[in-house]
């Protein structure tokens, strides 16, 4: 397992209304490789009924929205990724909140320069 110090981090924060959805976008200033994605709800609310859809420059990465809870596990259990994101190319996360309350979501991108 790579040490946290081996990564750089970008945090995308959004408040998503109950039953609503919102998007968080990121375009890097240099070519990067996203190695891990973690998702956190700041008040500690479980994300069992929250879904994420991911696309890069308009191309879907996820065929359908996937459970956000997949990205709430401990660091060592997060899926290892190899998402190449060239300079100025946008990655977009659509957050779908199917819960009865507003959520404060942080999407943490752990990346390395390409």
N, C-alpha and C. Protein backbone atom coordinates (compact mmCIF):
# COMPACT_ATOMS: atom_id res chain seq x y z
N UNK A 1 0.85 -1.18 0.00
CA UNK A 1 0.00 0.00 0.00
C UNK A 1 0.89 1.23 0.00
N UNK A 2 0.61 2.17 -0.88
CA UNK A 2 1.39 3.39 -0.97
C UNK A 2 1.05 4.34 0.18
N UNK A 3 2.06 5.00 0.68
CA UNK A 3 1.86 5.96 1.76
C UNK A 3 1.09 7.17 1.24
N UNK A 4 0.31 7.77 2.14
CA UNK A 4 -0.46 8.96 1.76
C UNK A 4 0.43 10.07 1.24
N UNK A 5 1.65 10.13 1.73
CA UNK A 5 2.56 11.19 1.30
C UNK A 5 2.98 11.04 -0.16
N UNK A 6 2.68 9.89 -0.77
CA UNK A 6 3.01 9.68 -2.18
C UNK A 6 2.00 10.30 -3.13
N UNK A 7 0.92 10.85 -2.57
CA UNK A 7 -0.16 11.40 -3.40
C UNK A 7 -0.31 12.90 -3.18
N UNK A 8 -0.94 13.52 -4.15
CA UNK A 8 -1.44 14.88 -3.99
C UNK A 8 -2.95 14.76 -3.94
N UNK A 9 -3.60 15.73 -3.31
CA UNK A 9 -5.03 15.62 -3.09
C UNK A 9 -5.77 16.85 -3.58
N UNK A 10 -6.95 16.61 -4.12
CA UNK A 10 -7.89 17.67 -4.49
C UNK A 10 -9.22 17.30 -3.86
N UNK A 11 -9.85 18.27 -3.18
CA UNK A 11 -11.13 18.04 -2.54
C UNK A 11 -12.20 18.86 -3.24
N UNK A 12 -13.26 18.19 -3.66
CA UNK A 12 -14.41 18.84 -4.29
C UNK A 12 -15.55 18.75 -3.29
N UNK A 13 -16.09 19.89 -2.87
CA UNK A 13 -17.13 19.91 -1.84
C UNK A 13 -18.44 20.44 -2.41
N UNK A 14 -19.52 19.77 -2.05
CA UNK A 14 -20.86 20.16 -2.51
C UNK A 14 -21.87 19.90 -1.41
N UNK A 15 -22.88 20.76 -1.32
CA UNK A 15 -24.05 20.50 -0.50
C UNK A 15 -25.16 20.11 -1.45
N UNK A 16 -25.77 18.96 -1.19
CA UNK A 16 -26.80 18.43 -2.08
C UNK A 16 -28.11 18.33 -1.29
N UNK A 17 -29.13 18.97 -1.79
CA UNK A 17 -30.44 18.99 -1.12
C UNK A 17 -31.04 17.60 -1.05
N UNK A 18 -31.93 17.41 -0.07
CA UNK A 18 -32.66 16.15 0.06
C UNK A 18 -33.40 15.85 -1.23
N UNK A 19 -33.24 14.63 -1.74
CA UNK A 19 -33.91 14.23 -2.96
C UNK A 19 -33.40 14.91 -4.22
N UNK A 20 -32.29 15.64 -4.11
CA UNK A 20 -31.77 16.39 -5.24
C UNK A 20 -30.47 15.83 -5.79
N UNK A 21 -29.91 16.55 -6.72
CA UNK A 21 -28.61 16.19 -7.26
C UNK A 21 -27.84 17.45 -7.59
N UNK A 22 -26.52 17.31 -7.63
CA UNK A 22 -25.63 18.42 -7.97
C UNK A 22 -24.38 17.82 -8.60
N UNK A 23 -23.58 18.68 -9.22
CA UNK A 23 -22.36 18.21 -9.84
C UNK A 23 -21.15 18.91 -9.25
N UNK A 24 -20.04 18.19 -9.25
CA UNK A 24 -18.74 18.72 -8.86
C UNK A 24 -17.79 18.42 -10.00
N UNK A 25 -17.07 19.45 -10.46
CA UNK A 25 -16.16 19.27 -11.59
C UNK A 25 -14.75 19.65 -11.21
N UNK A 26 -13.80 19.05 -11.93
CA UNK A 26 -12.38 19.37 -11.72
C UNK A 26 -11.65 19.24 -13.04
N UNK A 27 -10.84 20.24 -13.35
CA UNK A 27 -9.95 20.22 -14.52
C UNK A 27 -8.55 20.52 -14.02
N UNK A 28 -7.62 19.57 -14.13
CA UNK A 28 -6.29 19.78 -13.58
C UNK A 28 -5.46 20.78 -14.39
N UNK A 29 -4.51 21.40 -13.72
CA UNK A 29 -3.60 22.36 -14.35
C UNK A 29 -2.42 21.66 -15.03
N UNK A 30 -2.32 20.35 -14.84
CA UNK A 30 -1.25 19.55 -15.46
C UNK A 30 -1.82 18.15 -15.72
N UNK A 31 -1.14 17.34 -16.51
CA UNK A 31 -1.54 15.95 -16.72
C UNK A 31 -1.40 15.19 -15.41
N UNK A 32 -2.46 14.46 -15.02
CA UNK A 32 -2.42 13.70 -13.77
C UNK A 32 -2.97 12.30 -13.98
N UNK A 33 -2.74 11.44 -12.98
CA UNK A 33 -3.34 10.12 -12.92
C UNK A 33 -4.05 10.03 -11.57
N UNK A 34 -5.37 9.85 -11.61
CA UNK A 34 -6.13 9.69 -10.37
C UNK A 34 -5.95 8.25 -9.91
N UNK A 35 -5.47 8.10 -8.68
CA UNK A 35 -5.15 6.78 -8.15
C UNK A 35 -6.24 6.24 -7.21
N UNK A 36 -6.92 7.13 -6.51
CA UNK A 36 -8.00 6.73 -5.60
C UNK A 36 -9.02 7.86 -5.52
N UNK A 37 -10.26 7.48 -5.24
CA UNK A 37 -11.33 8.44 -4.98
C UNK A 37 -11.99 8.02 -3.67
N UNK A 38 -12.10 8.97 -2.75
CA UNK A 38 -12.79 8.73 -1.48
C UNK A 38 -13.93 9.74 -1.38
N UNK A 39 -15.02 9.33 -0.76
CA UNK A 39 -16.17 10.21 -0.58
C UNK A 39 -16.53 10.23 0.90
N UNK A 40 -16.81 11.43 1.40
CA UNK A 40 -17.11 11.63 2.81
C UNK A 40 -18.32 12.54 2.94
N UNK A 41 -19.16 12.27 3.93
CA UNK A 41 -20.23 13.19 4.30
C UNK A 41 -19.82 13.80 5.61
N UNK A 42 -19.72 15.13 5.65
CA UNK A 42 -19.09 15.82 6.79
C UNK A 42 -19.76 15.59 8.13
N UNK A 43 -21.07 15.33 8.16
CA UNK A 43 -21.76 15.09 9.43
C UNK A 43 -21.74 13.61 9.82
N UNK A 44 -21.15 12.78 8.98
CA UNK A 44 -21.06 11.36 9.27
C UNK A 44 -22.26 10.55 8.82
N UNK A 45 -23.15 11.17 8.05
CA UNK A 45 -24.33 10.46 7.55
C UNK A 45 -23.91 9.34 6.60
N UNK A 46 -24.54 8.18 6.75
CA UNK A 46 -24.26 7.06 5.85
C UNK A 46 -24.71 7.41 4.44
N UNK A 47 -23.96 6.97 3.46
CA UNK A 47 -24.25 7.28 2.06
C UNK A 47 -24.87 6.08 1.34
N UNK A 48 -25.67 5.30 2.07
CA UNK A 48 -26.26 4.09 1.50
C UNK A 48 -27.26 4.36 0.39
N UNK A 49 -27.89 5.53 0.38
CA UNK A 49 -28.87 5.84 -0.64
C UNK A 49 -28.45 7.07 -1.45
N UNK A 50 -27.14 7.16 -1.67
CA UNK A 50 -26.56 8.25 -2.46
C UNK A 50 -25.77 7.59 -3.59
N UNK A 51 -25.89 8.15 -4.79
CA UNK A 51 -25.25 7.56 -5.97
C UNK A 51 -24.38 8.59 -6.67
N UNK A 52 -23.36 8.10 -7.37
CA UNK A 52 -22.40 8.94 -8.08
C UNK A 52 -22.35 8.49 -9.53
N UNK A 53 -22.37 9.46 -10.42
CA UNK A 53 -22.17 9.21 -11.84
C UNK A 53 -20.90 9.97 -12.23
N UNK A 54 -20.00 9.33 -12.96
CA UNK A 54 -18.71 9.94 -13.30
C UNK A 54 -18.58 10.01 -14.81
N UNK A 55 -18.15 11.18 -15.29
CA UNK A 55 -17.83 11.31 -16.71
C UNK A 55 -16.59 12.17 -16.89
N UNK A 56 -15.88 11.90 -17.97
CA UNK A 56 -14.68 12.66 -18.32
C UNK A 56 -14.92 13.28 -19.69
N UNK A 57 -14.88 14.60 -19.71
CA UNK A 57 -15.07 15.37 -20.95
C UNK A 57 -16.31 14.88 -21.71
N UNK A 58 -17.39 14.62 -20.96
CA UNK A 58 -18.65 14.21 -21.56
C UNK A 58 -18.79 12.72 -21.81
N UNK A 59 -17.70 11.94 -21.65
CA UNK A 59 -17.77 10.49 -21.84
C UNK A 59 -18.01 9.82 -20.50
N UNK A 60 -19.04 8.98 -20.43
CA UNK A 60 -19.38 8.30 -19.18
C UNK A 60 -18.30 7.30 -18.78
N UNK A 61 -17.90 7.37 -17.53
CA UNK A 61 -16.99 6.39 -16.94
C UNK A 61 -17.82 5.29 -16.30
N UNK A 62 -18.91 5.68 -15.66
CA UNK A 62 -19.86 4.74 -15.07
C UNK A 62 -21.02 4.57 -16.05
N UNK A 63 -21.42 3.34 -16.30
CA UNK A 63 -22.53 3.10 -17.24
C UNK A 63 -23.85 3.56 -16.66
N UNK A 64 -23.91 3.55 -15.33
CA UNK A 64 -25.09 4.03 -14.60
C UNK A 64 -24.58 4.55 -13.26
N UNK A 65 -25.38 5.32 -12.54
CA UNK A 65 -24.92 5.79 -11.23
C UNK A 65 -24.57 4.61 -10.32
N UNK A 66 -23.48 4.77 -9.58
CA UNK A 66 -23.01 3.71 -8.68
C UNK A 66 -23.13 4.19 -7.23
N UNK A 67 -23.26 3.27 -6.28
CA UNK A 67 -23.40 3.67 -4.88
C UNK A 67 -22.17 4.45 -4.38
N UNK A 68 -22.42 5.60 -3.77
CA UNK A 68 -21.32 6.39 -3.20
C UNK A 68 -20.65 5.63 -2.06
N UNK A 69 -21.38 4.72 -1.44
CA UNK A 69 -20.82 3.96 -0.31
C UNK A 69 -19.61 3.12 -0.72
N UNK A 70 -19.45 2.83 -2.01
CA UNK A 70 -18.26 2.10 -2.48
C UNK A 70 -16.97 2.87 -2.19
N UNK A 71 -17.10 4.20 -2.06
CA UNK A 71 -15.93 5.06 -1.87
C UNK A 71 -15.81 5.59 -0.44
N UNK A 72 -16.54 4.96 0.51
CA UNK A 72 -16.50 5.41 1.90
C UNK A 72 -15.73 4.45 2.80
N UNK A 73 -15.12 3.46 2.23
CA UNK A 73 -14.40 2.44 3.00
C UNK A 73 -13.04 2.99 3.44
N UNK A 74 -12.36 2.31 4.38
CA UNK A 74 -11.01 2.75 4.77
C UNK A 74 -10.07 2.85 3.56
N UNK A 75 -9.08 3.71 3.67
CA UNK A 75 -8.14 4.01 2.59
C UNK A 75 -7.59 2.75 1.93
N UNK A 76 -7.19 1.79 2.73
CA UNK A 76 -6.56 0.57 2.19
C UNK A 76 -7.55 -0.30 1.40
N UNK A 77 -8.85 -0.06 1.57
CA UNK A 77 -9.86 -0.84 0.87
C UNK A 77 -10.45 -0.12 -0.34
N UNK A 78 -10.06 1.13 -0.54
CA UNK A 78 -10.54 1.85 -1.72
C UNK A 78 -10.00 1.20 -2.97
N UNK A 79 -10.80 1.16 -4.03
CA UNK A 79 -10.29 0.56 -5.27
C UNK A 79 -9.09 1.34 -5.82
N UNK A 80 -8.08 0.62 -6.29
CA UNK A 80 -6.95 1.26 -6.96
C UNK A 80 -7.39 1.64 -8.36
N UNK A 81 -7.15 2.88 -8.72
CA UNK A 81 -7.58 3.39 -10.02
C UNK A 81 -6.37 3.81 -10.84
N UNK A 82 -6.59 4.00 -12.09
CA UNK A 82 -5.55 4.47 -13.03
C UNK A 82 -6.27 5.33 -14.07
N UNK A 83 -6.83 6.45 -13.61
CA UNK A 83 -7.60 7.34 -14.49
C UNK A 83 -6.68 8.45 -14.98
N UNK A 84 -6.31 8.39 -16.25
CA UNK A 84 -5.47 9.43 -16.84
C UNK A 84 -6.34 10.64 -17.16
N UNK A 85 -5.94 11.79 -16.61
CA UNK A 85 -6.69 13.02 -16.82
C UNK A 85 -5.73 14.09 -17.34
N UNK A 86 -5.76 14.33 -18.65
CA UNK A 86 -4.86 15.34 -19.22
C UNK A 86 -5.18 16.75 -18.72
N UNK A 87 -4.21 17.61 -18.83
CA UNK A 87 -4.35 19.01 -18.44
C UNK A 87 -5.60 19.60 -19.08
N UNK A 88 -6.38 20.30 -18.27
CA UNK A 88 -7.58 21.04 -18.69
C UNK A 88 -8.76 20.16 -19.11
N UNK A 89 -8.64 18.84 -19.02
CA UNK A 89 -9.76 17.95 -19.33
C UNK A 89 -10.60 17.80 -18.05
N UNK A 90 -11.91 17.90 -18.19
CA UNK A 90 -12.79 17.92 -17.02
C UNK A 90 -13.30 16.54 -16.64
N UNK A 91 -13.20 16.25 -15.32
CA UNK A 91 -13.89 15.10 -14.76
C UNK A 91 -15.07 15.66 -13.98
N UNK A 92 -16.24 15.04 -14.16
CA UNK A 92 -17.46 15.55 -13.52
C UNK A 92 -18.12 14.42 -12.73
N UNK A 93 -18.47 14.75 -11.50
CA UNK A 93 -19.17 13.83 -10.61
C UNK A 93 -20.58 14.37 -10.41
N UNK A 94 -21.57 13.57 -10.76
CA UNK A 94 -22.96 13.93 -10.45
C UNK A 94 -23.34 13.16 -9.20
N UNK A 95 -23.75 13.90 -8.18
CA UNK A 95 -24.11 13.32 -6.88
C UNK A 95 -25.64 13.30 -6.81
N UNK A 96 -26.20 12.12 -6.60
CA UNK A 96 -27.65 11.94 -6.54
C UNK A 96 -28.01 11.56 -5.11
N UNK A 97 -28.70 12.46 -4.42
CA UNK A 97 -29.04 12.28 -3.02
C UNK A 97 -30.48 11.78 -2.91
N UNK A 98 -30.65 10.50 -2.62
CA UNK A 98 -31.98 9.91 -2.45
C UNK A 98 -32.38 9.83 -0.98
N UNK A 99 -31.70 10.57 -0.12
CA UNK A 99 -32.03 10.56 1.31
C UNK A 99 -33.03 11.67 1.61
N UNK A 100 -33.50 11.70 2.84
CA UNK A 100 -34.48 12.69 3.26
C UNK A 100 -33.87 13.96 3.81
N UNK A 101 -32.56 14.09 3.76
CA UNK A 101 -31.91 15.29 4.29
C UNK A 101 -30.80 15.78 3.38
N UNK A 102 -30.46 17.06 3.54
CA UNK A 102 -29.34 17.63 2.77
C UNK A 102 -28.04 17.00 3.24
N UNK A 103 -27.10 16.86 2.31
CA UNK A 103 -25.80 16.25 2.61
C UNK A 103 -24.68 17.20 2.21
N UNK A 104 -23.62 17.21 3.01
CA UNK A 104 -22.40 17.96 2.69
C UNK A 104 -21.35 16.94 2.28
N UNK A 105 -21.12 16.84 0.99
CA UNK A 105 -20.28 15.80 0.41
C UNK A 105 -18.90 16.34 0.06
N UNK A 106 -17.87 15.60 0.42
CA UNK A 106 -16.50 15.87 -0.03
C UNK A 106 -16.07 14.70 -0.90
N UNK A 107 -15.65 14.99 -2.13
CA UNK A 107 -15.06 13.99 -3.00
C UNK A 107 -13.57 14.27 -3.02
N UNK A 108 -12.79 13.31 -2.56
CA UNK A 108 -11.35 13.47 -2.45
C UNK A 108 -10.66 12.69 -3.56
N UNK A 109 -9.93 13.39 -4.40
CA UNK A 109 -9.16 12.77 -5.47
C UNK A 109 -7.72 12.67 -5.02
N UNK A 110 -7.20 11.45 -4.96
CA UNK A 110 -5.78 11.23 -4.68
C UNK A 110 -5.11 10.98 -6.02
N UNK A 111 -4.12 11.80 -6.35
CA UNK A 111 -3.53 11.73 -7.68
C UNK A 111 -2.01 11.91 -7.64
N UNK A 112 -1.42 11.56 -8.78
CA UNK A 112 0.01 11.77 -9.00
C UNK A 112 0.18 12.46 -10.35
N UNK A 113 1.23 13.24 -10.50
CA UNK A 113 1.50 13.81 -11.84
C UNK A 113 1.73 12.67 -12.84
N UNK A 114 1.27 12.88 -14.06
CA UNK A 114 1.43 11.84 -15.10
C UNK A 114 2.88 11.80 -15.58
